[in-house]
């Protein structure tokens, strides 16, 4: 049976996926808007030199968040 997740559910499962990443993380989404928790997890992956690729259609990030 299909599961439908609200914003909190998506954020939780994305966070768990990011914590389990061993080599590479590829995120594909039509929209891009990260919570502070997800930003911190991405920063941690970057510091650990993991390969991070993000593919998206519409950017809702602030200019200072794209670096």
PDB file of N, CA and C in Angstrom:
ATOM      1  N   UNK A   1       0.835  -1.174   0.000  1.00  0.00           N
ATOM      2  CA  UNK A   1       0.000   0.000   0.000  1.00  0.00           C
ATOM      3  C   UNK A   1       0.891   1.253   0.000  1.00  0.00           C
ATOM      4  N   UNK A   2       0.514   2.255  -0.747  1.00  0.00           N
ATOM      5  CA  UNK A   2       1.276   3.497  -0.853  1.00  0.00           C
ATOM      6  C   UNK A   2       1.200   4.292   0.440  1.00  0.00           C
ATOM      7  N   UNK A   3       2.283   5.003   0.741  1.00  0.00           N
ATOM      8  CA  UNK A   3       2.329   5.905   1.886  1.00  0.00           C
ATOM      9  C   UNK A   3       2.385   7.324   1.366  1.00  0.00           C
ATOM     10  N   UNK A   4       1.612   8.187   1.952  1.00  0.00           N
ATOM     11  CA  UNK A   4       1.651   9.602   1.625  1.00  0.00           C
ATOM     12  C   UNK A   4       2.208  10.338   2.837  1.00  0.00           C
ATOM     13  N   UNK A   5       3.276  11.081   2.617  1.00  0.00           N
ATOM     14  CA  UNK A   5       3.953  11.754   3.717  1.00  0.00           C
ATOM     15  C   UNK A   5       3.665  13.248   3.701  1.00  0.00           C
ATOM     16  N   UNK A   6       3.505  13.810   4.889  1.00  0.00           N
ATOM     17  CA  UNK A   6       3.402  15.265   4.985  1.00  0.00           C
ATOM     18  C   UNK A   6       4.826  15.825   5.054  1.00  0.00           C
ATOM     19  N   UNK A   7       4.954  17.108   5.206  1.00  0.00           N
ATOM     20  CA  UNK A   7       6.269  17.751   5.208  1.00  0.00           C
ATOM     21  C   UNK A   7       7.176  17.186   6.290  1.00  0.00           C
ATOM     22  N   UNK A   8       6.627  16.951   7.464  1.00  0.00           N
ATOM     23  CA  UNK A   8       7.416  16.402   8.563  1.00  0.00           C
ATOM     24  C   UNK A   8       7.904  15.001   8.243  1.00  0.00           C
ATOM     25  N   UNK A   9       7.030  14.182   7.657  1.00  0.00           N
ATOM     26  CA  UNK A   9       7.406  12.817   7.291  1.00  0.00           C
ATOM     27  C   UNK A   9       8.491  12.783   6.234  1.00  0.00           C
ATOM     28  N   UNK A  10       8.366  13.633   5.246  1.00  0.00           N
ATOM     29  CA  UNK A  10       9.377  13.708   4.187  1.00  0.00           C
ATOM     30  C   UNK A  10      10.715  14.144   4.789  1.00  0.00           C
ATOM     31  N   UNK A  11      10.695  15.154   5.636  1.00  0.00           N
ATOM     32  CA  UNK A  11      11.914  15.650   6.260  1.00  0.00           C
ATOM     33  C   UNK A  11      12.571  14.561   7.108  1.00  0.00           C
ATOM     34  N   UNK A  12      11.764  13.826   7.868  1.00  0.00           N
ATOM     35  CA  UNK A  12      12.296  12.748   8.708  1.00  0.00           C
ATOM     36  C   UNK A  12      12.974  11.676   7.860  1.00  0.00           C
ATOM     37  N   UNK A  13      12.280  11.177   6.843  1.00  0.00           N
ATOM     38  CA  UNK A  13      12.824  10.101   6.011  1.00  0.00           C
ATOM     39  C   UNK A  13      14.028  10.567   5.201  1.00  0.00           C
ATOM     40  N   UNK A  14      14.024  11.805   4.744  1.00  0.00           N
ATOM     41  CA  UNK A  14      15.171  12.350   4.035  1.00  0.00           C
ATOM     42  C   UNK A  14      16.368  12.431   4.981  1.00  0.00           C
ATOM     43  N   UNK A  15      16.136  12.869   6.201  1.00  0.00           N
ATOM     44  CA  UNK A  15      17.205  12.927   7.194  1.00  0.00           C
ATOM     45  C   UNK A  15      17.792  11.558   7.482  1.00  0.00           C
ATOM     46  N   UNK A  16      16.945  10.558   7.617  1.00  0.00           N
ATOM     47  CA  UNK A  16      17.422   9.195   7.859  1.00  0.00           C
ATOM     48  C   UNK A  16      18.243   8.692   6.679  1.00  0.00           C
ATOM     49  N   UNK A  17      17.784   8.958   5.474  1.00  0.00           N
ATOM     50  CA  UNK A  17      18.516   8.565   4.271  1.00  0.00           C
ATOM     51  C   UNK A  17      19.891   9.230   4.245  1.00  0.00           C
ATOM     52  N   UNK A  18      19.939  10.500   4.589  1.00  0.00           N
ATOM     53  CA  UNK A  18      21.204  11.223   4.591  1.00  0.00           C
ATOM     54  C   UNK A  18      22.157  10.693   5.654  1.00  0.00           C
ATOM     55  N   UNK A  19      21.643  10.316   6.802  1.00  0.00           N
ATOM     56  CA  UNK A  19      22.483   9.763   7.869  1.00  0.00           C
ATOM     57  C   UNK A  19      23.097   8.431   7.454  1.00  0.00           C
ATOM     58  N   UNK A  20      22.382   7.651   6.629  1.00  0.00           N
ATOM     59  CA  UNK A  20      22.845   6.332   6.206  1.00  0.00           C
ATOM     60  C   UNK A  20      23.731   6.377   4.965  1.00  0.00           C
ATOM     61  N   UNK A  21      23.909   7.552   4.369  1.00  0.00           N
ATOM     62  CA  UNK A  21      24.700   7.679   3.151  1.00  0.00           C
ATOM     63  C   UNK A  21      26.146   7.310   3.420  1.00  0.00           C
ATOM     64  N   UNK A  22      26.667   6.375   2.612  1.00  0.00           N
ATOM     65  CA  UNK A  22      28.053   5.962   2.802  1.00  0.00           C
ATOM     66  C   UNK A  22      28.987   6.554   1.750  1.00  0.00           C
ATOM     67  N   UNK A  23      28.507   6.750   0.521  1.00  0.00           N
ATOM     68  CA  UNK A  23      29.366   7.268  -0.539  1.00  0.00           C
ATOM     69  C   UNK A  23      28.774   8.471  -1.255  1.00  0.00           C
ATOM     70  N   UNK A  24      27.539   8.320  -1.727  1.00  0.00           N
ATOM     71  CA  UNK A  24      26.953   9.276  -2.649  1.00  0.00           C
ATOM     72  C   UNK A  24      25.499   9.522  -2.292  1.00  0.00           C
ATOM     73  N   UNK A  25      25.077  10.776  -2.430  1.00  0.00           N
ATOM     74  CA  UNK A  25      23.681  11.141  -2.216  1.00  0.00           C
ATOM     75  C   UNK A  25      23.192  11.875  -3.454  1.00  0.00           C
ATOM     76  N   UNK A  26      22.147  11.366  -4.065  1.00  0.00           N
ATOM     77  CA  UNK A  26      21.538  12.018  -5.219  1.00  0.00           C
ATOM     78  C   UNK A  26      20.089  12.315  -4.867  1.00  0.00           C
ATOM     79  N   UNK A  27      19.737  13.603  -4.855  1.00  0.00           N
ATOM     80  CA  UNK A  27      18.372  14.036  -4.563  1.00  0.00           C
ATOM     81  C   UNK A  27      17.755  14.594  -5.836  1.00  0.00           C
ATOM     82  N   UNK A  28      16.559  14.122  -6.167  1.00  0.00           N
ATOM     83  CA  UNK A  28      15.834  14.619  -7.334  1.00  0.00           C
ATOM     84  C   UNK A  28      14.463  15.065  -6.856  1.00  0.00           C
ATOM     85  N   UNK A  29      14.145  16.341  -7.106  1.00  0.00           N
ATOM     86  CA  UNK A  29      12.887  16.894  -6.626  1.00  0.00           C
ATOM     87  C   UNK A  29      12.462  18.051  -7.520  1.00  0.00           C
ATOM     88  N   UNK A  30      11.158  18.232  -7.716  1.00  0.00           N
ATOM     89  CA  UNK A  30      10.731  19.379  -8.515  1.00  0.00           C
ATOM     90  C   UNK A  30      10.948  20.702  -7.784  1.00  0.00           C
ATOM     91  N   UNK A  31      10.964  20.682  -6.463  1.00  0.00           N
ATOM     92  CA  UNK A  31      11.143  21.904  -5.670  1.00  0.00           C
ATOM     93  C   UNK A  31      12.255  21.699  -4.672  1.00  0.00           C
ATOM     94  N   UNK A  32      12.936  22.767  -4.340  1.00  0.00           N
ATOM     95  CA  UNK A  32      14.062  22.687  -3.428  1.00  0.00           C
ATOM     96  C   UNK A  32      13.900  23.727  -2.335  1.00  0.00           C
ATOM     97  N   UNK A  33      13.638  23.252  -1.130  1.00  0.00           N
ATOM     98  CA  UNK A  33      13.533  24.123   0.042  1.00  0.00           C
ATOM     99  C   UNK A  33      13.885  23.256   1.248  1.00  0.00           C
ATOM    100  N   UNK A  34      14.981  23.584   1.932  1.00  0.00           N
ATOM    101  CA  UNK A  34      15.480  22.749   3.013  1.00  0.00           C
ATOM    102  C   UNK A  34      15.237  23.388   4.374  1.00  0.00           C
ATOM    103  N   UNK A  35      14.923  22.538   5.341  1.00  0.00           N
ATOM    104  CA  UNK A  35      14.833  22.998   6.732  1.00  0.00           C
ATOM    105  C   UNK A  35      16.255  23.148   7.276  1.00  0.00           C
ATOM    106  N   UNK A  36      16.382  23.779   8.427  1.00  0.00           N
ATOM    107  CA  UNK A  36      17.703  23.942   9.049  1.00  0.00           C
ATOM    108  C   UNK A  36      18.335  22.583   9.341  1.00  0.00           C
ATOM    109  N   UNK A  37      17.525  21.617   9.737  1.00  0.00           N
ATOM    110  CA  UNK A  37      18.029  20.268  10.039  1.00  0.00           C
ATOM    111  C   UNK A  37      18.624  19.621   8.791  1.00  0.00           C
ATOM    112  N   UNK A  38      17.942  19.728   7.672  1.00  0.00           N
ATOM    113  CA  UNK A  38      18.428  19.130   6.423  1.00  0.00           C
ATOM    114  C   UNK A  38      19.684  19.863   5.950  1.00  0.00           C
ATOM    115  N   UNK A  39      19.718  21.177   6.105  1.00  0.00           N
ATOM    116  CA  UNK A  39      20.916  21.952   5.740  1.00  0.00           C
ATOM    117  C   UNK A  39      22.117  21.479   6.551  1.00  0.00           C
ATOM    118  N   UNK A  40      21.911  21.231   7.841  1.00  0.00           N
ATOM    119  CA  UNK A  40      23.009  20.770   8.694  1.00  0.00           C
ATOM    120  C   UNK A  40      23.478  19.380   8.270  1.00  0.00           C
ATOM    121  N   UNK A  41      22.551  18.503   7.934  1.00  0.00           N
ATOM    122  CA  UNK A  41      22.933  17.166   7.474  1.00  0.00           C
ATOM    123  C   UNK A  41      23.712  17.234   6.161  1.00  0.00           C
ATOM    124  N   UNK A  42      23.308  18.116   5.250  1.00  0.00           N
ATOM    125  CA  UNK A  42      24.045  18.298   3.997  1.00  0.00           C
ATOM    126  C   UNK A  42      25.452  18.837   4.269  1.00  0.00           C
ATOM    127  N   UNK A  43      25.550  19.780   5.201  1.00  0.00           N
ATOM    128  CA  UNK A  43      26.856  20.326   5.574  1.00  0.00           C
ATOM    129  C   UNK A  43      27.751  19.227   6.128  1.00  0.00           C
ATOM    130  N   UNK A  44      27.199  18.375   6.979  1.00  0.00           N
ATOM    131  CA  UNK A  44      27.969  17.265   7.555  1.00  0.00           C
ATOM    132  C   UNK A  44      28.445  16.303   6.470  1.00  0.00           C
ATOM    133  N   UNK A  45      27.573  15.997   5.504  1.00  0.00           N
ATOM    134  CA  UNK A  45      27.974  15.116   4.399  1.00  0.00           C
ATOM    135  C   UNK A  45      29.095  15.763   3.592  1.00  0.00           C
ATOM    136  N   UNK A  46      28.987  17.054   3.351  1.00  0.00           N
ATOM    137  CA  UNK A  46      30.008  17.771   2.597  1.00  0.00           C
ATOM    138  C   UNK A  46      31.344  17.762   3.344  1.00  0.00           C
ATOM    139  N   UNK A  47      31.303  17.961   4.650  1.00  0.00           N
ATOM    140  CA  UNK A  47      32.532  17.926   5.446  1.00  0.00           C
ATOM    141  C   UNK A  47      33.175  16.544   5.433  1.00  0.00           C
ATOM    142  N   UNK A  48      32.343  15.511   5.303  1.00  0.00           N
ATOM    143  CA  UNK A  48      32.851  14.128   5.239  1.00  0.00           C
ATOM    144  C   UNK A  48      33.243  13.745   3.813  1.00  0.00           C
ATOM    145  N   UNK A  49      33.233  14.710   2.893  1.00  0.00           N
ATOM    146  CA  UNK A  49      33.662  14.529   1.500  1.00  0.00           C
ATOM    147  C   UNK A  49      32.816  13.521   0.737  1.00  0.00           C
ATOM    148  N   UNK A  50      31.512  13.498   1.014  1.00  0.00           N
ATOM    149  CA  UNK A  50      30.595  12.624   0.282  1.00  0.00           C
ATOM    150  C   UNK A  50      30.178  13.304  -1.024  1.00  0.00           C
ATOM    151  N   UNK A  51      29.909  12.501  -2.030  1.00  0.00           N
ATOM    152  CA  UNK A  51      29.458  13.004  -3.330  1.00  0.00           C
ATOM    153  C   UNK A  51      27.975  13.352  -3.212  1.00  0.00           C
ATOM    154  N   UNK A  52      27.640  14.636  -3.326  1.00  0.00           N
ATOM    155  CA  UNK A  52      26.256  15.111  -3.196  1.00  0.00           C
ATOM    156  C   UNK A  52      25.842  15.732  -4.516  1.00  0.00           C
ATOM    157  N   UNK A  53      24.731  15.236  -5.074  1.00  0.00           N
ATOM    158  CA  UNK A  53      24.191  15.797  -6.311  1.00  0.00           C
ATOM    159  C   UNK A  53      22.714  16.098  -6.089  1.00  0.00           C
ATOM    160  N   UNK A  54      22.316  17.294  -6.456  1.00  0.00           N
ATOM    161  CA  UNK A  54      20.926  17.717  -6.264  1.00  0.00           C
ATOM    162  C   UNK A  54      20.391  18.197  -7.606  1.00  0.00           C
ATOM    163  N   UNK A  55      19.315  17.572  -8.043  1.00  0.00           N
ATOM    164  CA  UNK A  55      18.674  17.915  -9.311  1.00  0.00           C
ATOM    165  C   UNK A  55      17.285  18.432  -8.979  1.00  0.00           C
ATOM    166  N   UNK A  56      16.965  19.643  -9.456  1.00  0.00           N
ATOM    167  CA  UNK A  56      15.687  20.244  -9.118  1.00  0.00           C
ATOM    168  C   UNK A  56      15.218  21.163 -10.239  1.00  0.00           C
ATOM    169  N   UNK A  57      13.936  21.485 -10.208  1.00  0.00           N
ATOM    170  CA  UNK A  57      13.337  22.350 -11.217  1.00  0.00           C
ATOM    171  C   UNK A  57      13.201  23.779 -10.721  1.00  0.00           C
ATOM    172  N   UNK A  58      12.653  23.959  -9.549  1.00  0.00           N
ATOM    173  CA  UNK A  58      12.384  25.308  -9.033  1.00  0.00           C
ATOM    174  C   UNK A  58      13.129  25.522  -7.731  1.00  0.00           C
ATOM    175  N   UNK A  59      13.860  26.602  -7.668  1.00  0.00           N
ATOM    176  CA  UNK A  59      14.680  26.912  -6.511  1.00  0.00           C
ATOM    177  C   UNK A  59      13.949  27.880  -5.589  1.00  0.00           C
ATOM    178  N   UNK A  60      13.733  27.489  -4.334  1.00  0.00           N
ATOM    179  CA  UNK A  60      13.130  28.377  -3.347  1.00  0.00           C
ATOM    180  C   UNK A  60      14.124  28.748  -2.258  1.00  0.00           C
ATOM    181  N   UNK A  61      15.409  28.533  -2.533  1.00  0.00           N
ATOM    182  CA  UNK A  61      16.427  28.875  -1.569  1.00  0.00           C
ATOM    183  C   UNK A  61      16.780  30.352  -1.667  1.00  0.00           C
ATOM    184  N   UNK A  62      17.240  30.898  -0.569  1.00  0.00           N
ATOM    185  CA  UNK A  62      17.751  32.268  -0.565  1.00  0.00           C
ATOM    186  C   UNK A  62      19.133  32.258  -1.205  1.00  0.00           C
ATOM    187  N   UNK A  63      19.587  33.397  -1.688  1.00  0.00           N
ATOM    188  CA  UNK A  63      20.875  33.489  -2.370  1.00  0.00           C
ATOM    189  C   UNK A  63      22.016  32.944  -1.507  1.00  0.00           C
ATOM    190  N   UNK A  64      22.033  33.258  -0.234  1.00  0.00           N
ATOM    191  CA  UNK A  64      23.119  32.807   0.641  1.00  0.00           C
ATOM    192  C   UNK A  64      23.046  31.304   0.938  1.00  0.00           C
ATOM    193  N   UNK A  65      21.946  30.640   0.660  1.00  0.00           N
ATOM    194  CA  UNK A  65      21.811  29.199   0.909  1.00  0.00           C
ATOM    195  C   UNK A  65      22.310  28.350  -0.252  1.00  0.00           C
ATOM    196  N   UNK A  66      22.595  28.942  -1.383  1.00  0.00           N
ATOM    197  CA  UNK A  66      22.992  28.166  -2.557  1.00  0.00           C
ATOM    198  C   UNK A  66      24.473  27.857  -2.599  1.00  0.00           C
ATOM    199  N   UNK A  67      25.236  28.334  -1.642  1.00  0.00           N
ATOM    200  CA  UNK A  67      26.690  28.109  -1.632  1.00  0.00           C
ATOM    201  C   UNK A  67      27.050  26.862  -0.898  1.00  0.00           C
TER     202      UNK A  67
END
